[in-house]
Amino acid sequence: MMRVKFCGITNWADAKVCVDAGASALGFNFYALSPRAVSPAAAWDIIRRLPPFIAAVGVFVDWQPAAVSSLARALHLHAVQLHGNESVEDVRKLAGSSSVIKAVQVKDGFRAESLKKYSDASAVLLDGFRDGLHGGTGATVDWRLAANASLHSRIILAGGLTPENVAQAIMTARPYAVDVASGVESKPGKKDSQRVKLFMDAVAAVSEDRK
């Protein structure tokens, strides 16, 4: 089945809803200006209660690599997601101690070949672009472009995914995984349990069709 990460987890109730629905991973946003921001202490209170085989992913925006590595160790993160203007060298440094997801906002002029520079990353997350925002934009990515990008990196598809469009997105982009935040929320930082279930039902249906 397609891997699914629910991002912007801020409380245990939402985490449990996503885990029970079949999530592969949960994302914890440490970008202070995000409406989905969570403190390291609050994140740990959730992470320590997760069942086995659910990946905890920390989302960082322009932190120094040493600080990212330190928090990743303290919280037992399975992966770190770099969602800012981190350099290729930052990715390389962190890849020595963590699985790294490099987020790239897809804007006009994007070229799939540009992802080759992040060869040290375990995956590249393609997100929609809105000026001044670092993720959670609700803006969709050109799914055909995402399909081409998979020639150069392992692709996690994000950006404007919802229960209504995720099946088509998967069929078109053929990503390694999908990532959703705003598309299953009742408000920023609060998941809607019914939309979480509908999202997973849509993913399950298209995964079955692909067998």
Protein backbone atom coordinates (compact mmCIF):
# COMPACT_ATOMS: atom_id res chain seq x y z
CA MET A 1 0.00 0.00 0.00
CA MET A 2 1.12 3.56 -0.68
CA ARG A 3 3.00 5.08 2.26
CA VAL A 4 1.21 8.02 3.92
CA LYS A 5 2.62 10.69 6.20
CA PHE A 6 0.26 12.92 8.14
CA CYS A 7 2.10 16.15 8.89
CA GLY A 8 1.44 18.90 11.42
CA ILE A 9 0.61 16.62 14.35
CA THR A 10 0.13 18.70 17.50
CA ASN A 11 -1.65 16.40 19.96
CA TRP A 12 -2.01 12.74 20.92
CA ALA A 13 -5.69 12.47 19.92
CA ASP A 14 -4.87 13.41 16.32
CA ALA A 15 -1.82 11.15 16.29
CA LYS A 16 -3.93 8.19 17.41
CA VAL A 17 -6.58 8.91 14.76
CA CYS A 18 -3.90 8.88 12.04
CA VAL A 19 -2.16 5.77 13.40
CA ASP A 20 -5.44 3.88 13.71
CA ALA A 21 -6.32 4.86 10.14
CA GLY A 22 -3.09 3.29 8.84
CA ALA A 23 -0.50 6.08 8.73
CA SER A 24 3.09 5.13 7.90
CA ALA A 25 4.56 8.28 9.45
CA LEU A 26 3.66 11.36 11.45
CA GLY A 27 5.27 14.77 10.98
CA PHE A 28 6.13 17.13 13.83
CA ASN A 29 6.70 20.74 12.79
CA PHE A 30 9.39 22.63 14.70
CA TYR A 31 9.06 25.83 12.64
CA ALA A 32 7.91 28.36 15.25
CA LEU A 33 5.95 30.51 12.79
CA SER A 34 3.80 27.64 11.54
CA PRO A 35 0.22 27.33 12.82
CA ARG A 36 1.07 23.64 13.22
CA ALA A 37 4.20 24.25 15.29
CA VAL A 38 4.85 21.94 18.22
CA SER A 39 7.44 22.19 20.96
CA PRO A 40 10.04 19.43 21.35
CA ALA A 41 8.53 18.54 24.74
CA ALA A 42 5.02 18.23 23.31
CA ALA A 43 6.33 16.21 20.36
CA TRP A 44 8.12 13.80 22.69
CA ASP A 45 4.95 13.29 24.72
CA ILE A 46 3.34 12.03 21.49
CA ILE A 47 6.31 10.17 20.01
CA ARG A 48 6.96 8.12 23.15
CA ARG A 49 3.40 6.73 22.92
CA LEU A 50 3.55 5.69 19.26
CA PRO A 51 3.33 1.97 18.47
CA PRO A 52 6.21 0.18 16.75
CA PHE A 53 6.84 0.80 13.03
CA ILE A 54 5.27 4.27 12.94
CA ALA A 55 7.92 6.73 11.80
CA ALA A 56 8.29 10.07 13.57
CA VAL A 57 9.57 12.80 11.24
CA GLY A 58 10.80 16.18 12.45
CA VAL A 59 10.18 19.16 10.16
CA PHE A 60 12.81 21.93 10.32
CA VAL A 61 13.20 25.27 8.56
CA ASP A 62 16.74 26.63 8.30
CA TRP A 63 18.09 25.14 11.52
CA GLN A 64 21.81 24.57 11.85
CA PRO A 65 22.66 20.92 11.09
CA ALA A 66 24.12 20.36 14.57
CA ALA A 67 20.87 21.53 16.20
CA VAL A 68 18.80 19.29 13.93
CA SER A 69 20.98 16.28 14.74
CA SER A 70 20.80 16.98 18.45
CA LEU A 71 17.00 17.15 18.53
CA ALA A 72 16.67 14.15 16.23
CA ARG A 73 18.68 12.07 18.70
CA ALA A 74 16.81 13.38 21.73
CA LEU A 75 13.38 12.63 20.24
CA HIS A 76 14.37 9.38 18.49
CA LEU A 77 13.21 10.74 15.14
CA HIS A 78 13.18 8.29 12.25
CA ALA A 79 13.89 11.06 9.74
CA VAL A 80 14.41 14.81 9.48
CA GLN A 81 12.61 16.89 6.88
CA LEU A 82 14.38 20.07 5.78
CA HIS A 83 11.77 22.55 4.61
CA GLY A 84 13.76 25.76 4.23
CA ASN A 85 16.74 27.01 2.24
CA GLU A 86 19.14 24.39 3.53
CA SER A 87 22.21 23.88 1.37
CA VAL A 88 23.37 20.75 -0.37
CA GLU A 89 26.17 20.65 2.21
CA ASP A 90 23.63 20.76 5.06
CA VAL A 91 21.85 17.77 3.53
CA ARG A 92 25.13 15.93 3.19
CA LYS A 93 26.12 16.59 6.81
CA LEU A 94 22.79 15.41 8.20
CA ALA A 95 22.64 12.35 5.97
CA GLY A 96 25.61 11.00 7.90
CA SER A 97 23.44 10.51 10.98
CA SER A 98 19.80 10.66 9.87
CA SER A 99 17.49 9.81 7.03
CA VAL A 100 16.96 13.16 5.33
CA ILE A 101 13.91 14.33 3.41
CA LYS A 102 14.64 17.54 1.47
CA ALA A 103 11.51 19.51 0.74
CA VAL A 104 11.42 21.46 -2.51
CA GLN A 105 8.68 23.94 -3.34
CA VAL A 106 7.73 23.60 -6.99
CA LYS A 107 7.47 26.98 -8.66
CA ASP A 108 7.68 28.35 -12.20
CA GLY A 109 10.88 27.26 -13.88
CA PHE A 110 11.34 24.15 -11.76
CA ARG A 111 13.44 21.50 -13.46
CA ALA A 112 13.32 17.90 -12.28
CA GLU A 113 17.01 17.50 -13.05
CA SER A 114 17.80 19.99 -10.27
CA LEU A 115 16.95 17.32 -7.70
CA LYS A 116 20.12 15.41 -8.55
CA LYS A 117 22.06 17.72 -6.23
CA TYR A 118 20.21 16.22 -3.27
CA SER A 119 21.53 12.74 -3.94
CA ASP A 120 22.49 12.36 -0.26
CA ALA A 121 18.86 12.74 0.80
CA SER A 122 16.78 9.61 1.33
CA ALA A 123 13.87 11.28 -0.47
CA VAL A 124 12.73 14.60 -1.90
CA LEU A 125 9.35 16.01 -0.93
CA LEU A 126 7.69 18.08 -3.63
CA ASP A 127 5.39 20.74 -2.19
CA GLY A 128 3.19 23.47 -3.62
CA PHE A 129 4.52 27.02 -3.65
CA ARG A 130 3.07 30.11 -2.04
CA ASP A 131 5.29 33.10 -1.39
CA GLY A 132 6.41 33.40 2.22
CA LEU A 133 5.11 29.99 3.34
CA HIS A 134 7.15 26.90 4.19
CA GLY A 135 4.70 24.05 3.56
CA GLY A 136 1.06 23.62 4.48
CA THR A 137 0.16 25.91 1.60
CA GLY A 138 -2.72 23.86 0.18
CA ALA A 139 -1.26 24.56 -3.29
CA THR A 140 -1.01 21.55 -5.57
CA VAL A 141 2.00 20.40 -7.56
CA ASP A 142 1.93 19.52 -11.25
CA TRP A 143 1.59 15.75 -10.83
CA ARG A 144 3.01 14.99 -14.28
CA LEU A 145 6.10 16.96 -13.35
CA ALA A 146 6.33 14.94 -10.14
CA ALA A 147 6.27 11.75 -12.19
CA ASN A 148 9.25 13.01 -14.20
CA ALA A 149 11.04 13.98 -10.99
CA SER A 150 10.93 10.36 -9.81
CA LEU A 151 13.58 9.62 -12.43
CA HIS A 152 16.03 11.60 -10.32
CA SER A 153 15.00 10.97 -6.72
CA ARG A 154 12.63 9.06 -4.46
CA ILE A 155 9.61 11.37 -4.44
CA ILE A 156 7.21 12.15 -1.62
CA LEU A 157 4.26 14.04 -3.05
CA ALA A 158 2.72 16.84 -0.99
CA GLY A 159 0.87 20.06 -1.71
CA GLY A 160 -2.90 20.37 -1.71
CA LEU A 161 -3.66 16.67 -1.36
CA THR A 162 -7.18 15.83 -0.14
CA PRO A 163 -9.43 12.78 0.11
CA GLU A 164 -11.00 13.98 -3.13
CA ASN A 165 -7.83 14.17 -5.26
CA VAL A 166 -5.23 11.87 -3.71
CA ALA A 167 -6.17 8.86 -5.84
CA GLN A 168 -5.69 10.79 -9.07
CA ALA A 169 -2.47 12.29 -7.72
CA ILE A 170 -1.05 8.84 -7.00
CA MET A 171 -2.08 7.43 -10.37
CA THR A 172 -0.49 10.37 -12.21
CA ALA A 173 2.64 11.04 -10.16
CA ARG A 174 3.47 7.47 -9.03
CA PRO A 175 5.29 8.73 -5.92
CA TYR A 176 7.12 6.76 -3.26
CA ALA A 177 4.78 8.26 -0.64
CA VAL A 178 2.22 11.01 -0.10
CA ASP A 179 2.19 13.69 2.60
CA VAL A 180 -0.90 15.55 3.81
CA ALA A 181 -1.57 18.28 6.36
CA SER A 182 -4.18 20.92 5.53
CA GLY A 183 -6.25 18.56 3.36
CA VAL A 184 -7.41 16.56 6.38
CA GLU A 185 -7.78 19.36 8.92
CA SER A 186 -10.76 21.05 10.51
CA LYS A 187 -8.42 23.98 11.24
CA PRO A 188 -4.63 24.39 11.15
CA GLY A 189 -3.10 21.96 13.61
CA LYS A 190 -6.30 19.99 14.21
CA LYS A 191 -7.07 16.86 12.20
CA ASP A 192 -10.60 15.95 11.11
CA SER A 193 -11.01 12.25 11.90
CA GLN A 194 -13.53 11.69 9.11
CA ARG A 195 -11.29 13.29 6.48
CA VAL A 196 -8.32 11.27 7.74
CA LYS A 197 -10.34 8.09 7.23
CA LEU A 198 -11.58 9.20 3.79
CA PHE A 199 -8.01 10.01 2.77
CA MET A 200 -6.78 6.57 3.77
CA ASP A 201 -9.76 4.90 2.08
CA ALA A 202 -8.89 6.69 -1.16
CA VAL A 203 -5.24 5.66 -0.89
CA ALA A 204 -6.22 2.06 -0.16
CA ALA A 205 -8.54 1.94 -3.15
CA VAL A 206 -5.95 3.19 -5.63
CA SER A 207 -3.28 0.94 -4.08
CA GLU A 208 -5.55 -2.05 -4.67
CA ASP A 209 -6.11 -0.97 -8.28
CA ARG A 210 -2.35 -0.82 -8.87
CA LYS A 211 -1.76 -4.45 -7.88
